[in-house]
Amino acid sequence: MRLGLALGYWGRGPSPAHVRLAQEAERLGYDSVWTAESWGSDAFTPLTWIAAHTSRIRLGTAVAQMAARSPVTTAMHALTLDHLSGGRVMLGLGLSGPQVVEGWYGRPFPASPLTATREYVDVLRQVLRREAPVELAGRFHSHPYRGPDATGLGKPLKPITHPLRPDLPILLGAEGPKNVAQTTRIADGWLPLYWSPNRPEVYGPALADLPEGFLVAPMAQVRVCDDVAEGLLPVKTMLGFYIGGMGHAARNFHADLMARMGYEEQARRIQRLFLEGRREEAVLAVPDAFADEISLVGPRERIAERLESWREGPVTDLLALAPDPHTLRVLAELNSR
């Protein structure tokens, strides 16, 4: 199982520790470093900055939002950074949800998310392969554009710049069983948001027969500490925000996933508390058991024991949200056993 460092997205501003953490991860033999975006910092600019301060570690977006850019724009970002970094980019994409897509990006949330994702990946593949001008008469993505307000002058084009790698890896942050199943067919890897090594059945039969070389790269908070309950607080804070605030009360994919993992009553309570403005109560309502099974928190010996179950399943890459160099180093040592 390879290790990656997940840095997420910025809060109020950039973290001065991110480049140092990426450099330390590279020194320790981590395979990859990943950045994200929501409605603040973007995913590609920090990754470019990290690329300039490292030499070997692979560079991933986990995730870049599809609604933020047309597929050809995303392909341009990826192929440009792939050239500048010497072929180190992995393109992780996510659809997000209606609240963010329509509220922040000002785009309609697709009526058929699976179709929209499939078309998006199709266009990306066409750009990166550069075998012919990009053409797709899609429901959500049309190249050239042929809508009712089109001039009719659109011309199919292929990129001026020759992509460094036509097979640049594309990974998808899918959550629902149908979306996960489609991901195994059209992408090179999957980025699970909440992964419990004890509950692979949550994602159904999609993981039973994975293609050769397919990446399964879940994110997990990792923290070496003496007090497990205290170490789980950042995990619970993240879960309270995602389950309570990252989606509408009637349509929240993160809350739905928690429910499928056996915590439906708790997920709905977290949502209710968060939406009522009782955010601290929402965080405290996150069950320790749920936070614990999707993270690696506690003393070194406890993490070593629990890490074994992560290595026994389909996970190929563990993307660690690790806040300090000591945790990075301990995880590297334990994974090399």
Protein backbone atom coordinates (compact mmCIF):
# COMPACT_ATOMS: atom_id res chain seq x y z
CA MET A 1 0.00 0.00 0.00
CA ARG A 2 1.45 3.33 -1.08
CA LEU A 3 1.19 6.44 1.07
CA GLY A 4 0.04 9.89 0.02
CA LEU A 5 -0.14 13.17 1.87
CA ALA A 6 -3.52 14.92 1.65
CA LEU A 7 -3.35 18.66 2.31
CA GLY A 8 -6.98 19.51 1.54
CA TYR A 9 -7.95 23.08 0.77
CA TRP A 10 -7.05 26.33 2.53
CA GLY A 11 -9.11 27.80 5.30
CA ARG A 12 -8.81 31.53 5.92
CA GLY A 13 -5.47 31.58 4.13
CA PRO A 14 -2.55 29.44 2.98
CA SER A 15 -0.75 27.25 5.48
CA PRO A 16 3.00 27.93 5.64
CA ALA A 17 3.46 24.28 6.63
CA HIS A 18 2.16 22.73 3.41
CA VAL A 19 5.34 22.93 1.35
CA ARG A 20 7.43 21.72 4.30
CA LEU A 21 5.06 18.78 4.85
CA ALA A 22 5.20 17.88 1.15
CA GLN A 23 8.99 17.99 1.18
CA GLU A 24 9.11 15.83 4.30
CA ALA A 25 6.66 13.36 2.75
CA GLU A 26 8.87 13.13 -0.33
CA ARG A 27 11.94 12.56 1.85
CA LEU A 28 10.13 9.77 3.72
CA GLY A 29 9.20 7.98 0.51
CA TYR A 30 5.55 8.99 0.21
CA ASP A 31 4.28 8.37 -3.31
CA SER A 32 1.98 11.38 -3.70
CA VAL A 33 0.69 14.68 -2.35
CA TRP A 34 -2.87 15.93 -2.91
CA THR A 35 -4.67 19.28 -2.81
CA ALA A 36 -8.37 20.11 -2.90
CA GLU A 37 -10.87 22.90 -3.50
CA SER A 38 -14.40 23.83 -2.46
CA TRP A 39 -15.36 27.53 -2.44
CA GLY A 40 -12.06 29.23 -1.66
CA SER A 41 -8.58 28.24 -2.76
CA ASP A 42 -8.29 26.27 -6.00
CA ALA A 43 -6.62 22.87 -6.32
CA PHE A 44 -4.13 23.50 -9.13
CA THR A 45 -2.25 26.61 -7.99
CA PRO A 46 -1.02 25.20 -4.63
CA LEU A 47 -0.11 21.95 -6.40
CA THR A 48 1.99 23.89 -8.91
CA TRP A 49 3.78 25.65 -6.05
CA ILE A 50 4.48 22.30 -4.39
CA ALA A 51 5.69 20.88 -7.71
CA ALA A 52 8.29 23.66 -7.90
CA HIS A 53 9.61 22.74 -4.43
CA THR A 54 9.75 18.95 -4.90
CA SER A 55 11.26 16.63 -7.49
CA ARG A 56 9.80 13.12 -7.29
CA ILE A 57 6.52 12.95 -5.39
CA ARG A 58 3.41 12.60 -7.55
CA LEU A 59 0.88 15.46 -7.57
CA GLY A 60 -2.85 14.82 -7.25
CA THR A 61 -6.08 16.80 -7.01
CA ALA A 62 -8.46 15.31 -4.46
CA VAL A 63 -10.60 16.73 -5.69
CA ALA A 64 -10.92 19.33 -8.42
CA GLN A 65 -14.57 20.30 -8.85
CA MET A 66 -16.06 19.51 -12.26
CA ALA A 67 -18.47 22.44 -12.06
CA ALA A 68 -15.57 24.85 -11.64
CA ARG A 69 -14.24 24.31 -15.17
CA SER A 70 -15.28 22.93 -18.51
CA PRO A 71 -13.62 19.57 -19.18
CA VAL A 72 -11.23 21.07 -21.74
CA THR A 73 -10.14 23.72 -19.21
CA THR A 74 -9.46 21.00 -16.65
CA ALA A 75 -7.50 19.08 -19.27
CA MET A 76 -5.45 22.22 -20.01
CA HIS A 77 -4.59 22.61 -16.32
CA ALA A 78 -3.60 18.97 -16.03
CA LEU A 79 -1.49 18.73 -19.19
CA THR A 80 0.27 22.03 -18.39
CA LEU A 81 1.23 20.98 -14.87
CA ASP A 82 2.14 17.51 -16.09
CA HIS A 83 4.72 19.06 -18.43
CA LEU A 84 6.08 21.45 -15.79
CA SER A 85 6.41 18.67 -13.19
CA GLY A 86 7.90 16.04 -15.46
CA GLY A 87 4.87 13.76 -15.63
CA ARG A 88 3.80 13.67 -11.99
CA VAL A 89 0.10 14.67 -12.18
CA MET A 90 -2.89 12.55 -11.16
CA LEU A 91 -6.22 14.19 -11.90
CA GLY A 92 -8.83 13.59 -9.21
CA LEU A 93 -12.30 14.96 -9.93
CA GLY A 94 -15.52 15.37 -7.98
CA LEU A 95 -19.05 16.38 -8.91
CA SER A 96 -19.84 18.01 -5.52
CA GLY A 97 -23.52 18.62 -4.69
CA PRO A 98 -26.35 20.95 -5.70
CA GLN A 99 -25.76 23.44 -2.89
CA VAL A 100 -22.16 24.11 -3.95
CA VAL A 101 -22.59 23.67 -7.71
CA GLU A 102 -25.54 26.04 -7.97
CA GLY A 103 -24.79 28.26 -4.99
CA TRP A 104 -21.08 28.88 -5.58
CA TYR A 105 -20.25 27.92 -9.15
CA GLY A 106 -23.52 29.25 -10.53
CA ARG A 107 -24.07 26.18 -12.65
CA PRO A 108 -27.08 23.83 -12.80
CA PHE A 109 -26.55 20.57 -10.97
CA PRO A 110 -26.91 17.85 -13.61
CA ALA A 111 -30.17 15.95 -13.62
CA SER A 112 -28.16 12.83 -14.43
CA PRO A 113 -24.87 12.99 -12.50
CA LEU A 114 -23.61 9.71 -13.97
CA THR A 115 -24.11 10.91 -17.54
CA ALA A 116 -22.50 14.28 -16.79
CA THR A 117 -19.48 12.57 -15.23
CA ARG A 118 -19.14 10.11 -18.11
CA GLU A 119 -19.22 12.91 -20.69
CA TYR A 120 -16.71 14.99 -18.72
CA VAL A 121 -14.23 12.11 -18.60
CA ASP A 122 -14.81 11.37 -22.30
CA VAL A 123 -13.77 14.92 -23.24
CA LEU A 124 -10.73 14.76 -20.95
CA ARG A 125 -9.59 11.53 -22.60
CA GLN A 126 -9.99 13.03 -26.06
CA VAL A 127 -7.88 16.06 -25.16
CA LEU A 128 -5.13 14.02 -23.51
CA ARG A 129 -4.94 11.45 -26.32
CA ARG A 130 -4.86 14.18 -28.98
CA GLU A 131 -5.78 11.71 -31.70
CA ALA A 132 -8.37 13.98 -33.34
CA PRO A 133 -10.26 17.22 -32.71
CA VAL A 134 -12.53 17.01 -29.68
CA GLU A 135 -16.10 16.19 -30.61
CA LEU A 136 -18.99 15.15 -28.40
CA ALA A 137 -22.70 15.62 -28.88
CA GLY A 138 -23.41 15.18 -25.19
CA ARG A 139 -26.38 15.96 -23.03
CA PHE A 140 -24.27 18.14 -20.71
CA HIS A 141 -21.06 18.72 -22.66
CA SER A 142 -21.18 19.61 -26.33
CA HIS A 143 -18.05 20.12 -28.41
CA PRO A 144 -18.42 22.18 -30.50
CA TYR A 145 -21.25 23.95 -28.71
CA ARG A 146 -24.52 23.54 -30.62
CA GLY A 147 -27.06 25.06 -28.24
CA PRO A 148 -29.96 27.25 -29.37
CA ASP A 149 -27.84 30.39 -28.88
CA ALA A 150 -24.81 29.05 -30.80
CA THR A 151 -23.42 31.03 -33.74
CA GLY A 152 -22.82 27.83 -35.69
CA LEU A 153 -19.19 28.87 -36.18
CA GLY A 154 -17.71 26.52 -33.60
CA LYS A 155 -14.92 24.35 -34.94
CA PRO A 156 -13.67 21.05 -33.48
CA LEU A 157 -10.13 21.55 -32.16
CA LYS A 158 -7.40 19.52 -30.59
CA PRO A 159 -4.86 20.96 -28.16
CA ILE A 160 -1.98 22.98 -29.59
CA THR A 161 0.23 21.62 -26.82
CA HIS A 162 1.03 17.94 -27.10
CA PRO A 163 0.16 16.30 -23.77
CA LEU A 164 3.14 14.68 -22.09
CA ARG A 165 1.15 11.56 -21.20
CA PRO A 166 -1.99 10.51 -23.07
CA ASP A 167 -2.72 8.11 -20.22
CA LEU A 168 -2.49 10.67 -17.40
CA PRO A 169 -4.42 8.99 -14.53
CA ILE A 170 -7.98 10.17 -13.90
CA LEU A 171 -9.59 9.36 -10.55
CA LEU A 172 -13.14 10.11 -9.43
CA GLY A 173 -14.50 10.97 -6.00
CA ALA A 174 -17.64 8.85 -6.21
CA GLU A 175 -19.89 8.07 -3.25
CA GLY A 176 -23.08 6.31 -4.41
CA PRO A 177 -22.93 2.63 -5.43
CA LYS A 178 -23.89 3.33 -9.07
CA ASN A 179 -21.33 6.12 -9.30
CA VAL A 180 -18.64 3.87 -7.82
CA ALA A 181 -19.53 1.11 -10.28
CA GLN A 182 -19.26 3.54 -13.20
CA THR A 183 -15.94 4.82 -11.84
CA THR A 184 -14.42 1.36 -12.09
CA ARG A 185 -15.38 1.33 -15.79
CA ILE A 186 -14.37 4.80 -16.97
CA ALA A 187 -11.59 5.98 -14.62
CA ASP A 188 -8.16 4.85 -13.50
CA GLY A 189 -8.96 5.10 -9.82
CA TRP A 190 -11.41 5.95 -7.08
CA LEU A 191 -11.12 8.47 -4.24
CA PRO A 192 -13.45 7.33 -1.42
CA LEU A 193 -14.32 10.07 1.05
CA TYR A 194 -15.13 7.85 4.03
CA TRP A 195 -13.50 4.45 3.91
CA SER A 196 -13.96 1.86 6.61
CA PRO A 197 -11.86 -1.27 6.04
CA ASN A 198 -14.49 -3.18 7.97
CA ARG A 199 -17.39 -2.21 5.68
CA PRO A 200 -16.46 -2.88 2.04
CA GLU A 201 -20.03 -4.08 1.45
CA VAL A 202 -21.22 -0.46 1.68
CA TYR A 203 -20.12 0.04 -1.91
CA GLY A 204 -21.77 -3.12 -3.16
CA PRO A 205 -20.39 -5.46 -5.80
CA ALA A 206 -18.53 -2.67 -7.62
CA LEU A 207 -15.31 -3.53 -5.80
CA ALA A 208 -15.52 -7.28 -6.34
CA ASP A 209 -13.74 -7.36 -9.70
CA LEU A 210 -11.58 -4.27 -10.10
CA PRO A 211 -9.61 -3.73 -13.32
CA GLU A 212 -5.90 -4.46 -13.13
CA GLY A 213 -3.97 -1.43 -11.94
CA PHE A 214 -7.09 0.35 -10.69
CA LEU A 215 -6.31 2.73 -7.79
CA VAL A 216 -8.38 2.81 -4.61
CA ALA A 217 -7.14 5.83 -2.68
CA PRO A 218 -9.20 6.79 0.38
CA MET A 219 -8.42 9.80 2.53
CA ALA A 220 -8.04 9.31 6.27
CA GLN A 221 -7.05 11.58 9.10
CA VAL A 222 -3.96 10.19 10.81
CA ARG A 223 -2.73 11.45 14.15
CA VAL A 224 -0.20 9.94 16.56
CA CYS A 225 -1.30 10.90 20.07
CA ASP A 226 -1.79 9.42 23.53
CA ASP A 227 -5.45 10.36 24.00
CA VAL A 228 -7.68 8.73 21.37
CA ALA A 229 -10.78 10.75 22.26
CA GLU A 230 -8.87 14.01 21.97
CA GLY A 231 -7.25 12.86 18.72
CA LEU A 232 -10.67 12.12 17.24
CA LEU A 233 -11.96 15.67 17.78
CA PRO A 234 -10.54 17.01 14.46
CA VAL A 235 -12.12 14.02 12.69
CA LYS A 236 -15.47 14.75 14.30
CA THR A 237 -15.16 18.45 13.45
CA MET A 238 -14.62 17.56 9.80
CA LEU A 239 -17.52 15.11 9.81
CA GLY A 240 -19.83 17.59 11.52
CA PHE A 241 -19.12 20.15 8.80
CA TYR A 242 -19.40 17.76 5.85
CA ILE A 243 -22.47 15.91 7.10
CA GLY A 244 -24.18 18.98 8.53
CA GLY A 245 -23.10 21.77 6.22
CA MET A 246 -21.86 20.40 2.90
CA GLY A 247 -25.26 19.90 1.36
CA HIS A 248 -28.94 20.68 1.65
CA ALA A 249 -31.05 19.01 4.33
CA ALA A 250 -32.94 17.14 1.61
CA ARG A 251 -29.92 16.26 -0.53
CA ASN A 252 -26.58 15.67 1.17
CA PHE A 253 -24.46 12.90 -0.36
CA HIS A 254 -22.09 12.82 2.63
CA ALA A 255 -24.93 12.31 5.09
CA ASP A 256 -26.43 9.64 2.84
CA LEU A 257 -23.10 7.77 2.81
CA MET A 258 -22.87 7.89 6.60
CA ALA A 259 -26.40 6.49 6.74
CA ARG A 260 -25.45 3.61 4.42
CA MET A 261 -22.54 2.87 6.73
CA GLY A 262 -24.95 2.13 9.57
CA TYR A 263 -25.31 5.54 11.21
CA GLU A 264 -28.52 6.90 9.67
CA GLU A 265 -30.12 8.18 12.87
CA GLN A 266 -26.91 9.93 13.92
CA ALA A 267 -26.38 11.44 10.45
CA ARG A 268 -29.84 13.01 10.44
CA ARG A 269 -29.32 14.36 13.97
CA ILE A 270 -25.99 15.95 12.97
CA GLN A 271 -27.68 17.56 9.98
CA ARG A 272 -30.51 18.92 12.10
CA LEU A 273 -28.22 20.37 14.76
CA PHE A 274 -25.88 21.96 12.22
CA LEU A 275 -28.68 23.54 10.22
CA GLU A 276 -30.19 24.91 13.42
CA GLY A 277 -26.92 26.75 14.06
CA ARG A 278 -25.89 24.41 16.90
CA ARG A 279 -22.58 23.52 15.32
CA GLU A 280 -20.69 22.54 18.46
CA GLU A 281 -23.48 20.13 19.39
CA ALA A 282 -23.41 18.74 15.84
CA VAL A 283 -19.70 17.93 16.17
CA LEU A 284 -20.20 16.28 19.54
CA ALA A 285 -23.08 14.24 18.08
CA VAL A 286 -20.69 12.50 15.68
CA PRO A 287 -20.21 8.99 17.14
CA ASP A 288 -16.66 8.26 18.24
CA ALA A 289 -17.05 4.81 16.69
CA PHE A 290 -17.72 6.24 13.22
CA ALA A 291 -14.91 8.79 13.44
CA ASP A 292 -12.56 6.06 14.63
CA GLU A 293 -13.27 3.50 11.93
CA ILE A 294 -12.51 5.93 9.08
CA SER A 295 -9.29 7.30 10.61
CA LEU A 296 -6.03 6.18 12.21
CA VAL A 297 -5.74 7.90 15.58
CA GLY A 298 -3.96 7.08 18.82
CA PRO A 299 -0.64 5.76 20.10
CA ARG A 300 1.84 4.23 17.68
CA GLU A 301 0.96 0.65 18.67
CA ARG A 302 -2.76 1.22 18.13
CA ILE A 303 -2.21 2.72 14.69
CA ALA A 304 0.11 -0.17 13.77
CA GLU A 305 -2.58 -2.70 14.68
CA ARG A 306 -5.35 -0.91 12.83
CA LEU A 307 -3.21 -0.24 9.76
CA GLU A 308 -3.20 -3.97 9.01
CA SER A 309 -6.91 -3.95 8.17
CA TRP A 310 -6.35 -1.09 5.68
CA ARG A 311 -3.71 -3.17 3.89
CA GLU A 312 -5.84 -6.33 3.70
CA GLY A 313 -8.53 -4.90 1.43
CA PRO A 314 -8.56 -3.24 -2.01
CA VAL A 315 -6.83 -0.03 -0.90
CA THR A 316 -3.78 0.72 -3.05
CA ASP A 317 -3.01 4.21 -1.71
CA LEU A 318 -3.73 5.65 1.73
CA LEU A 319 -3.98 9.45 1.51
CA ALA A 320 -3.16 10.69 4.98
CA LEU A 321 -4.45 13.95 6.35
CA ALA A 322 -1.48 14.11 8.71
CA PRO A 323 -0.94 17.38 10.58
CA ASP A 324 2.70 17.06 11.61
CA PRO A 325 6.05 15.58 10.51
CA HIS A 326 6.11 13.15 13.44
CA THR A 327 2.86 11.52 12.33
CA LEU A 328 4.13 11.36 8.75
CA ARG A 329 7.29 9.64 9.88
CA VAL A 330 5.53 7.11 12.14
CA LEU A 331 3.09 6.18 9.39
CA ALA A 332 5.94 5.69 6.90
CA GLU A 333 7.79 3.46 9.36
CA LEU A 334 4.72 1.36 10.12
CA ASN A 335 3.77 0.95 6.46
CA SER A 336 7.26 -0.25 5.54
CA ARG A 337 7.10 -3.23 7.91
